[in-house]
């Protein structure tokens, strides 16, 4: 059973690194550049991607909410805010 745990743990660790690489590449980082990042740089870039994604999701929620429940004035106000 302990061997299975170790294999599963190693698999999860590999998945975490693969996910981190994919997120960095998806955000426009070059694979060759990522290979030279320090752990601190990798953590900082992942944190910045998290913040950017949170802002994007908050904006999406606003747009969907206003689009489904707001009137034309509310929609215009949100669109004006997005253009700023």
N, C-alpha and C. Protein backbone atom coordinates (compact mmCIF):
# COMPACT_ATOMS: atom_id res chain seq x y z
N UNK A 1 0.82 -1.19 0.00
CA UNK A 1 0.00 0.00 0.00
C UNK A 1 0.86 1.26 0.00
N UNK A 2 1.97 1.23 0.75
CA UNK A 2 2.85 2.40 0.82
C UNK A 2 3.45 2.70 -0.55
N UNK A 3 3.77 1.64 -1.31
CA UNK A 3 4.31 1.86 -2.65
C UNK A 3 3.30 2.55 -3.55
N UNK A 4 2.03 2.15 -3.43
CA UNK A 4 0.98 2.80 -4.21
C UNK A 4 0.85 4.27 -3.86
N UNK A 5 0.98 4.59 -2.57
CA UNK A 5 0.89 5.98 -2.14
C UNK A 5 2.02 6.80 -2.75
N UNK A 6 3.23 6.23 -2.75
CA UNK A 6 4.37 6.95 -3.29
C UNK A 6 4.19 7.19 -4.79
N UNK A 7 3.73 6.18 -5.49
CA UNK A 7 3.51 6.33 -6.93
C UNK A 7 2.44 7.38 -7.18
N UNK A 8 1.35 7.33 -6.43
CA UNK A 8 0.29 8.32 -6.58
C UNK A 8 0.78 9.72 -6.26
N UNK A 9 1.60 9.84 -5.21
CA UNK A 9 2.15 11.14 -4.83
C UNK A 9 3.06 11.68 -5.91
N UNK A 10 3.89 10.81 -6.48
CA UNK A 10 4.78 11.25 -7.55
C UNK A 10 3.96 11.67 -8.77
N UNK A 11 2.90 10.93 -9.04
CA UNK A 11 2.04 11.26 -10.18
C UNK A 11 1.38 12.62 -9.97
N UNK A 12 0.89 12.87 -8.76
CA UNK A 12 0.26 14.17 -8.47
C UNK A 12 1.27 15.29 -8.59
N UNK A 13 2.51 15.05 -8.14
CA UNK A 13 3.55 16.07 -8.23
C UNK A 13 3.87 16.38 -9.69
N UNK A 14 3.96 15.34 -10.51
CA UNK A 14 4.21 15.53 -11.93
C UNK A 14 3.07 16.30 -12.58
N UNK A 15 1.84 15.95 -12.20
CA UNK A 15 0.68 16.66 -12.74
C UNK A 15 0.72 18.14 -12.36
N UNK A 16 1.12 18.44 -11.13
CA UNK A 16 1.19 19.84 -10.69
C UNK A 16 2.18 20.63 -11.53
N UNK A 17 3.34 20.04 -11.81
CA UNK A 17 4.33 20.73 -12.64
C UNK A 17 3.83 20.88 -14.08
N UNK A 18 3.19 19.85 -14.59
CA UNK A 18 2.64 19.93 -15.95
C UNK A 18 1.57 21.01 -16.03
N UNK A 19 0.73 21.09 -15.00
CA UNK A 19 -0.31 22.12 -14.97
C UNK A 19 0.31 23.51 -14.90
N UNK A 20 1.35 23.66 -14.08
CA UNK A 20 2.03 24.96 -13.96
C UNK A 20 2.65 25.36 -15.30
N UNK A 21 3.31 24.41 -15.95
CA UNK A 21 3.90 24.71 -17.26
C UNK A 21 2.83 25.11 -18.27
N UNK A 22 1.73 24.39 -18.28
CA UNK A 22 0.65 24.70 -19.22
C UNK A 22 0.08 26.09 -18.97
N UNK A 23 -0.08 26.44 -17.69
CA UNK A 23 -0.62 27.77 -17.37
C UNK A 23 0.35 28.86 -17.83
N UNK A 24 1.64 28.66 -17.62
CA UNK A 24 2.63 29.65 -18.05
C UNK A 24 2.65 29.76 -19.58
N UNK A 25 2.65 28.63 -20.26
CA UNK A 25 2.65 28.64 -21.73
C UNK A 25 1.37 29.28 -22.24
N UNK A 26 0.24 28.95 -21.61
CA UNK A 26 -1.03 29.54 -22.01
C UNK A 26 -1.07 31.05 -21.83
N UNK A 27 -0.26 31.55 -20.89
CA UNK A 27 -0.20 32.99 -20.64
C UNK A 27 0.85 33.68 -21.52
N UNK A 28 1.48 32.89 -22.41
CA UNK A 28 2.40 33.50 -23.36
C UNK A 28 3.88 33.31 -23.07
N UNK A 29 4.21 32.58 -22.03
CA UNK A 29 5.62 32.33 -21.72
C UNK A 29 6.16 31.26 -22.66
N UNK A 30 7.38 31.44 -23.11
CA UNK A 30 8.01 30.46 -23.99
C UNK A 30 8.55 29.30 -23.16
N UNK A 31 8.38 28.08 -23.65
CA UNK A 31 8.85 26.90 -22.93
C UNK A 31 10.33 27.00 -22.59
N UNK A 32 11.14 27.47 -23.54
CA UNK A 32 12.58 27.57 -23.29
C UNK A 32 12.88 28.59 -22.20
N UNK A 33 12.08 29.64 -22.10
CA UNK A 33 12.27 30.62 -21.03
C UNK A 33 11.88 30.04 -19.68
N UNK A 34 10.77 29.30 -19.66
CA UNK A 34 10.28 28.71 -18.42
C UNK A 34 11.33 27.80 -17.80
N UNK A 35 12.06 27.07 -18.63
CA UNK A 35 13.08 26.15 -18.13
C UNK A 35 14.17 26.86 -17.34
N UNK A 36 14.34 28.16 -17.57
CA UNK A 36 15.36 28.93 -16.86
C UNK A 36 14.81 29.74 -15.69
N UNK A 37 13.50 29.66 -15.42
CA UNK A 37 12.91 30.40 -14.31
C UNK A 37 13.32 29.76 -12.99
N UNK A 38 13.52 30.60 -11.98
CA UNK A 38 13.71 30.09 -10.63
C UNK A 38 12.34 29.71 -10.07
N UNK A 39 12.34 28.99 -8.96
CA UNK A 39 11.08 28.63 -8.34
C UNK A 39 10.32 29.88 -7.90
N UNK A 40 11.05 30.89 -7.40
CA UNK A 40 10.41 32.14 -6.98
C UNK A 40 9.77 32.85 -8.18
N UNK A 41 10.44 32.86 -9.31
CA UNK A 41 9.87 33.47 -10.51
C UNK A 41 8.63 32.71 -10.97
N UNK A 42 8.72 31.39 -10.95
CA UNK A 42 7.57 30.57 -11.34
C UNK A 42 6.38 30.86 -10.44
N UNK A 43 6.62 30.90 -9.13
CA UNK A 43 5.54 31.20 -8.18
C UNK A 43 4.94 32.58 -8.44
N UNK A 44 5.81 33.57 -8.69
CA UNK A 44 5.33 34.94 -8.93
C UNK A 44 4.49 35.01 -10.21
N UNK A 45 4.94 34.36 -11.26
CA UNK A 45 4.19 34.38 -12.52
C UNK A 45 2.85 33.65 -12.38
N UNK A 46 2.84 32.51 -11.68
CA UNK A 46 1.59 31.78 -11.46
C UNK A 46 0.62 32.62 -10.64
N UNK A 47 1.13 33.32 -9.62
CA UNK A 47 0.27 34.19 -8.81
C UNK A 47 -0.31 35.32 -9.66
N UNK A 48 0.50 35.89 -10.55
CA UNK A 48 0.00 36.95 -11.44
C UNK A 48 -1.07 36.41 -12.39
N UNK A 49 -0.87 35.20 -12.89
CA UNK A 49 -1.87 34.57 -13.75
C UNK A 49 -3.16 34.35 -12.98
N UNK A 50 -3.04 33.91 -11.72
CA UNK A 50 -4.23 33.72 -10.87
C UNK A 50 -5.01 35.03 -10.71
N UNK A 51 -4.28 36.13 -10.44
CA UNK A 51 -4.94 37.42 -10.27
C UNK A 51 -5.63 37.86 -11.56
N UNK A 52 -4.95 37.69 -12.67
CA UNK A 52 -5.51 38.06 -13.97
C UNK A 52 -6.77 37.24 -14.26
N UNK A 53 -6.71 35.95 -13.98
CA UNK A 53 -7.87 35.09 -14.22
C UNK A 53 -9.04 35.48 -13.32
N UNK A 54 -8.74 35.84 -12.08
CA UNK A 54 -9.81 36.28 -11.16
C UNK A 54 -10.49 37.54 -11.67
N UNK A 55 -9.69 38.50 -12.16
CA UNK A 55 -10.27 39.73 -12.73
C UNK A 55 -11.12 39.42 -13.95
N UNK A 56 -10.64 38.52 -14.80
CA UNK A 56 -11.38 38.15 -16.00
C UNK A 56 -12.70 37.50 -15.64
N UNK A 57 -12.68 36.61 -14.65
CA UNK A 57 -13.92 35.94 -14.24
C UNK A 57 -14.89 36.92 -13.58
N UNK A 58 -14.36 37.87 -12.81
CA UNK A 58 -15.22 38.89 -12.19
C UNK A 58 -15.88 39.74 -13.27
N UNK A 59 -15.12 40.12 -14.28
CA UNK A 59 -15.69 40.89 -15.40
C UNK A 59 -16.74 40.08 -16.14
N UNK A 60 -16.47 38.80 -16.35
CA UNK A 60 -17.43 37.94 -17.04
C UNK A 60 -18.72 37.83 -16.24
N UNK A 61 -18.60 37.67 -14.93
CA UNK A 61 -19.78 37.59 -14.07
C UNK A 61 -20.60 38.88 -14.16
N UNK A 62 -19.92 40.02 -14.14
CA UNK A 62 -20.60 41.30 -14.25
C UNK A 62 -21.35 41.41 -15.57
N UNK A 63 -20.69 41.07 -16.64
CA UNK A 63 -21.31 41.17 -17.96
C UNK A 63 -22.51 40.23 -18.08
N UNK A 64 -22.36 39.00 -17.62
CA UNK A 64 -23.46 38.04 -17.70
C UNK A 64 -24.62 38.49 -16.83
N UNK A 65 -24.32 38.96 -15.62
CA UNK A 65 -25.38 39.41 -14.71
C UNK A 65 -26.15 40.59 -15.28
N UNK A 66 -25.42 41.59 -15.76
CA UNK A 66 -26.07 42.77 -16.31
C UNK A 66 -26.81 42.41 -17.59
N UNK A 67 -26.21 41.57 -18.41
CA UNK A 67 -26.85 41.18 -19.66
C UNK A 67 -28.15 40.42 -19.45
N UNK A 68 -28.20 39.65 -18.38
CA UNK A 68 -29.41 38.86 -18.16
C UNK A 68 -30.46 39.58 -17.32
N UNK A 69 -30.04 40.57 -16.51
CA UNK A 69 -30.98 41.21 -15.61
C UNK A 69 -31.07 42.72 -15.76
N UNK A 70 -30.06 43.32 -16.37
CA UNK A 70 -30.03 44.77 -16.45
C UNK A 70 -30.72 45.31 -17.68
N UNK A 71 -31.07 46.58 -17.60
CA UNK A 71 -31.65 47.26 -18.75
C UNK A 71 -30.56 47.79 -19.65
N UNK A 72 -30.96 48.47 -20.71
CA UNK A 72 -29.99 48.97 -21.68
C UNK A 72 -29.04 50.00 -21.06
N UNK A 73 -29.52 50.81 -20.12
CA UNK A 73 -28.64 51.78 -19.46
C UNK A 73 -27.56 51.08 -18.65
N UNK A 74 -27.93 50.03 -17.94
CA UNK A 74 -26.95 49.28 -17.15
C UNK A 74 -25.92 48.62 -18.05
N UNK A 75 -26.37 48.09 -19.16
CA UNK A 75 -25.45 47.45 -20.10
C UNK A 75 -24.48 48.47 -20.68
N UNK A 76 -24.98 49.64 -21.05
CA UNK A 76 -24.11 50.70 -21.57
C UNK A 76 -23.08 51.12 -20.54
N UNK A 77 -23.49 51.22 -19.27
CA UNK A 77 -22.58 51.61 -18.20
C UNK A 77 -21.46 50.58 -18.04
N UNK A 78 -21.80 49.31 -18.06
CA UNK A 78 -20.79 48.26 -17.93
C UNK A 78 -19.85 48.28 -19.13
N UNK A 79 -20.38 48.42 -20.32
CA UNK A 79 -19.54 48.48 -21.52
C UNK A 79 -18.59 49.66 -21.47
N UNK A 80 -19.08 50.79 -20.99
CA UNK A 80 -18.23 51.98 -20.87
C UNK A 80 -17.09 51.71 -19.89
N UNK A 81 -17.40 51.02 -18.79
CA UNK A 81 -16.38 50.66 -17.80
C UNK A 81 -15.35 49.70 -18.36
N UNK A 82 -15.76 48.81 -19.22
CA UNK A 82 -14.83 47.85 -19.82
C UNK A 82 -13.92 48.52 -20.83
N UNK A 83 -14.40 49.58 -21.48
CA UNK A 83 -13.58 50.30 -22.46
C UNK A 83 -12.53 51.16 -21.78
N UNK A 84 -12.74 51.51 -20.52
CA UNK A 84 -11.82 52.41 -19.81
C UNK A 84 -10.49 51.77 -19.52
